[in-house]
């Protein structure tokens, strides 16, 4: 199998962590930037990354890929066996990605690409983030992982989303949106001590720094 995407992407890194934590043999092509070119669309219908080339065909959308990997490679599980507990992990991921990460993404052009946001737009994003974070914190246990005692796909997702959201909101709002949530800082420090997480985060930082340097030169 081959994971295709780019290492700046928190969603690419989410899938990469699942592959590494489950010990699934794979290749990686970290040079697949989103595109609307026909050849790219033939592999990823929306022109997005990441996507996964499997012996059976190509899969896109990070959450779909993660669930396929869990079902196809049941060793080193990243979901609980109990159906309700599995659903709670999916709930954590969906609440976080739809109501926190996707909302924070509205700041990324201003944070990283030289864009601007009006005061009204900033206020709307802050309000939506507050609701999303409240809902997420109601569900997460941080004991010691997001869903409890065992590492899950929710950790593979959030561990990559947290740093990007913190950086973007600090740049746009002047303060990290998680600054008043101490359990997040403790969790991020703890989870990034795991070898695979540390490796993926280091690769992410390197790719981000190179992309920013290229943008400044351009």
Protein backbone atom coordinates (compact mmCIF):
# COMPACT_ATOMS: atom_id res chain seq x y z
CA UNK A 1 0.00 0.00 0.00
CA UNK A 2 1.01 3.59 -0.55
CA UNK A 3 -0.09 6.65 1.41
CA UNK A 4 -0.18 9.66 -0.91
CA UNK A 5 -0.36 13.21 0.37
CA UNK A 6 1.87 15.83 1.97
CA UNK A 7 3.33 16.00 5.45
CA UNK A 8 2.07 19.48 6.29
CA UNK A 9 -1.45 18.04 6.28
CA UNK A 10 -2.78 17.05 9.69
CA UNK A 11 -5.13 14.61 7.93
CA UNK A 12 -2.26 12.96 6.06
CA UNK A 13 -0.40 12.64 9.35
CA UNK A 14 -3.47 11.18 11.05
CA UNK A 15 -3.48 8.29 8.55
CA UNK A 16 0.28 7.93 8.71
CA UNK A 17 0.08 7.53 12.49
CA UNK A 18 -2.55 4.81 12.15
CA UNK A 19 -0.32 2.93 9.70
CA UNK A 20 2.69 3.25 12.00
CA UNK A 21 0.90 2.44 15.27
CA UNK A 22 -0.73 -0.62 13.73
CA UNK A 23 2.57 -1.73 12.19
CA UNK A 24 1.13 -1.98 8.67
CA UNK A 25 3.80 -2.23 5.92
CA UNK A 26 3.40 0.66 3.50
CA UNK A 27 5.11 3.14 1.25
CA UNK A 28 4.59 6.88 1.37
CA UNK A 29 4.54 9.51 -1.36
CA UNK A 30 4.65 12.85 0.52
CA UNK A 31 4.64 14.95 -2.67
CA UNK A 32 0.96 14.63 -3.63
CA UNK A 33 -0.45 18.13 -3.24
CA UNK A 34 -4.18 18.67 -3.90
CA UNK A 35 -4.92 19.17 -7.57
CA UNK A 36 -7.77 19.43 -10.03
CA UNK A 37 -5.71 17.91 -12.82
CA UNK A 38 -7.46 14.95 -14.51
CA UNK A 39 -4.72 12.47 -13.58
CA UNK A 40 -4.99 13.44 -9.91
CA UNK A 41 -8.80 13.39 -9.94
CA UNK A 42 -8.67 9.85 -11.27
CA UNK A 43 -7.08 8.86 -7.96
CA UNK A 44 -8.90 11.29 -5.64
CA UNK A 45 -12.30 12.40 -6.98
CA UNK A 46 -12.35 15.71 -5.07
CA UNK A 47 -8.70 16.39 -5.79
CA UNK A 48 -7.81 16.15 -2.12
CA UNK A 49 -5.08 14.44 -0.16
CA UNK A 50 -4.44 12.09 1.48
CA UNK A 51 -5.50 9.04 -0.41
CA UNK A 52 -4.40 5.44 -0.04
CA UNK A 53 -3.46 3.11 -2.86
CA UNK A 54 -4.42 -0.43 -1.83
CA UNK A 55 -4.23 -3.80 -3.65
CA UNK A 56 -7.98 -3.42 -4.25
CA UNK A 57 -8.02 0.17 -5.48
CA UNK A 58 -7.72 3.72 -4.17
CA UNK A 59 -9.44 5.11 -1.08
CA UNK A 60 -9.78 8.80 -0.19
CA UNK A 61 -10.98 10.69 2.92
CA UNK A 62 -8.86 10.19 6.02
CA UNK A 63 -11.54 8.77 8.30
CA UNK A 64 -12.65 6.25 5.68
CA UNK A 65 -9.02 5.18 5.24
CA UNK A 66 -8.51 4.79 9.00
CA UNK A 67 -11.59 2.62 9.39
CA UNK A 68 -10.58 0.47 6.40
CA UNK A 69 -7.15 -0.06 7.97
CA UNK A 70 -8.73 -1.07 11.28
CA UNK A 71 -11.00 -3.61 9.60
CA UNK A 72 -8.44 -4.99 7.16
CA UNK A 73 -5.62 -5.16 9.72
CA UNK A 74 -7.18 -6.01 13.10
CA UNK A 75 -3.85 -6.48 14.90
CA UNK A 76 -2.83 -3.64 17.23
CA UNK A 77 -6.42 -2.32 17.33
CA UNK A 78 -7.08 1.41 17.50
CA UNK A 79 -10.79 1.03 18.23
CA UNK A 80 -12.41 -0.74 21.21
CA UNK A 81 -14.17 -4.05 20.57
CA UNK A 82 -17.39 -2.98 22.27
CA UNK A 83 -19.75 -1.44 19.67
CA UNK A 84 -20.82 1.45 21.89
CA UNK A 85 -17.24 2.25 22.88
CA UNK A 86 -16.27 2.18 19.19
CA UNK A 87 -19.07 4.59 18.43
CA UNK A 88 -17.87 6.92 21.19
CA UNK A 89 -14.43 7.04 19.56
CA UNK A 90 -16.04 7.91 16.22
CA UNK A 91 -18.12 10.54 18.01
CA UNK A 92 -14.99 12.12 19.47
CA UNK A 93 -13.33 12.28 16.06
CA UNK A 94 -16.37 13.73 14.31
CA UNK A 95 -17.08 16.35 16.95
CA UNK A 96 -13.46 17.45 16.98
CA UNK A 97 -12.92 17.51 13.23
CA UNK A 98 -16.23 19.08 12.24
CA UNK A 99 -16.66 21.53 15.10
CA UNK A 100 -13.12 22.44 16.11
CA UNK A 101 -10.59 21.71 13.35
CA UNK A 102 -12.87 22.67 10.46
CA UNK A 103 -13.84 25.89 12.24
CA UNK A 104 -10.21 26.73 13.06
CA UNK A 105 -9.37 26.10 9.39
CA UNK A 106 -11.16 29.37 8.62
CA UNK A 107 -8.18 31.13 10.24
CA UNK A 108 -5.49 29.31 8.24
CA UNK A 109 -5.36 31.71 5.24
CA UNK A 110 -4.77 34.64 7.60
CA UNK A 111 -2.40 32.68 9.85
CA UNK A 112 -0.19 31.14 7.19
CA UNK A 113 -0.90 32.63 3.74
CA UNK A 114 -0.96 36.36 4.24
CA UNK A 115 -4.75 36.65 4.19
CA UNK A 116 -6.91 38.87 6.38
CA UNK A 117 -10.03 38.48 8.51
CA UNK A 118 -12.48 41.16 9.53
CA UNK A 119 -13.23 41.68 13.19
CA UNK A 120 -16.71 40.27 12.61
CA UNK A 121 -15.24 37.15 10.99
CA UNK A 122 -12.84 36.69 13.89
CA UNK A 123 -15.66 37.05 16.40
CA UNK A 124 -17.76 34.47 14.55
CA UNK A 125 -14.88 31.98 14.44
CA UNK A 126 -14.16 32.46 18.14
CA UNK A 127 -17.81 31.85 19.01
CA UNK A 128 -18.01 28.71 16.89
CA UNK A 129 -14.71 27.42 18.30
CA UNK A 130 -15.94 27.95 21.86
CA UNK A 131 -18.99 25.77 21.17
CA UNK A 132 -16.93 23.08 19.48
CA UNK A 133 -14.30 22.96 22.20
CA UNK A 134 -16.97 22.82 24.90
CA UNK A 135 -18.57 19.82 23.19
CA UNK A 136 -15.24 18.09 22.65
CA UNK A 137 -14.17 18.55 26.27
CA UNK A 138 -17.48 17.11 27.40
CA UNK A 139 -16.63 13.90 25.51
CA UNK A 140 -12.85 13.55 25.97
CA UNK A 141 -11.44 11.90 29.10
CA UNK A 142 -7.66 12.53 28.77
CA UNK A 143 -7.27 9.43 30.97
CA UNK A 144 -4.58 9.17 29.74
CA UNK A 145 -5.84 9.07 26.12
CA UNK A 146 -8.82 10.92 24.70
CA UNK A 147 -11.21 7.96 24.93
CA UNK A 148 -9.77 6.44 28.09
CA UNK A 149 -7.08 3.91 28.86
CA UNK A 150 -6.20 2.82 25.31
CA UNK A 151 -4.76 4.68 22.33
CA UNK A 152 -7.33 5.10 19.54
CA UNK A 153 -7.72 6.74 16.16
CA UNK A 154 -9.08 9.76 18.05
CA UNK A 155 -5.56 10.30 19.41
CA UNK A 156 -3.99 9.90 15.97
CA UNK A 157 -6.30 12.65 14.75
CA UNK A 158 -6.26 15.12 17.63
CA UNK A 159 -2.53 14.89 18.31
CA UNK A 160 -1.94 16.30 14.82
CA UNK A 161 -4.81 18.81 14.88
CA UNK A 162 -3.99 20.40 18.25
CA UNK A 163 -0.60 21.99 17.32
CA UNK A 164 -1.87 23.45 14.06
CA UNK A 165 -4.99 24.91 15.67
CA UNK A 166 -2.92 26.34 18.53
CA UNK A 167 -0.45 27.98 16.16
CA UNK A 168 -3.11 29.40 13.84
CA UNK A 169 -5.30 30.84 16.59
CA UNK A 170 -2.31 32.30 18.42
CA UNK A 171 -1.31 34.11 15.23
CA UNK A 172 -4.79 35.35 14.36
CA UNK A 173 -6.27 36.05 17.80
CA UNK A 174 -3.10 36.76 19.76
CA UNK A 175 -3.72 33.78 22.03
CA UNK A 176 -3.91 30.02 21.63
CA UNK A 177 -7.56 28.99 21.73
CA UNK A 178 -6.56 26.15 24.10
CA UNK A 179 -4.58 28.42 26.46
CA UNK A 180 -7.22 28.09 29.18
CA UNK A 181 -7.58 24.32 28.78
CA UNK A 182 -4.62 22.88 30.76
CA UNK A 183 -5.51 19.27 30.06
CA UNK A 184 -4.86 19.86 26.36
CA UNK A 185 -1.29 21.08 26.91
CA UNK A 186 -0.56 18.17 29.24
CA UNK A 187 -2.07 15.70 26.79
CA UNK A 188 -0.12 17.06 23.81
CA UNK A 189 3.15 16.88 25.74
CA UNK A 190 2.38 13.33 26.84
CA UNK A 191 1.18 11.95 23.49
CA UNK A 192 4.08 13.47 21.55
CA UNK A 193 6.51 11.45 23.67
CA UNK A 194 5.35 8.30 21.90
CA UNK A 195 8.01 7.42 19.28
CA UNK A 196 5.72 7.34 16.23
CA UNK A 197 3.99 10.55 17.24
CA UNK A 198 7.32 12.28 17.82
CA UNK A 199 8.57 11.11 14.42
CA UNK A 200 5.48 12.26 12.52
CA UNK A 201 5.41 15.60 14.34
CA UNK A 202 9.10 16.22 13.56
CA UNK A 203 8.50 15.43 9.88
CA UNK A 204 5.49 17.75 9.93
CA UNK A 205 7.49 20.62 11.40
CA UNK A 206 10.27 20.14 8.88
CA UNK A 207 7.83 20.14 5.97
CA UNK A 208 6.03 23.20 7.35
CA UNK A 209 9.26 25.16 7.78
CA UNK A 210 10.39 24.32 4.25
CA UNK A 211 7.01 25.34 2.81
CA UNK A 212 7.07 28.66 4.69
CA UNK A 213 10.63 29.33 3.50
CA UNK A 214 9.62 28.62 -0.09
CA UNK A 215 6.61 30.93 0.25
CA UNK A 216 8.81 33.76 1.54
CA UNK A 217 11.23 33.31 -1.35
CA UNK A 218 8.31 33.23 -3.80
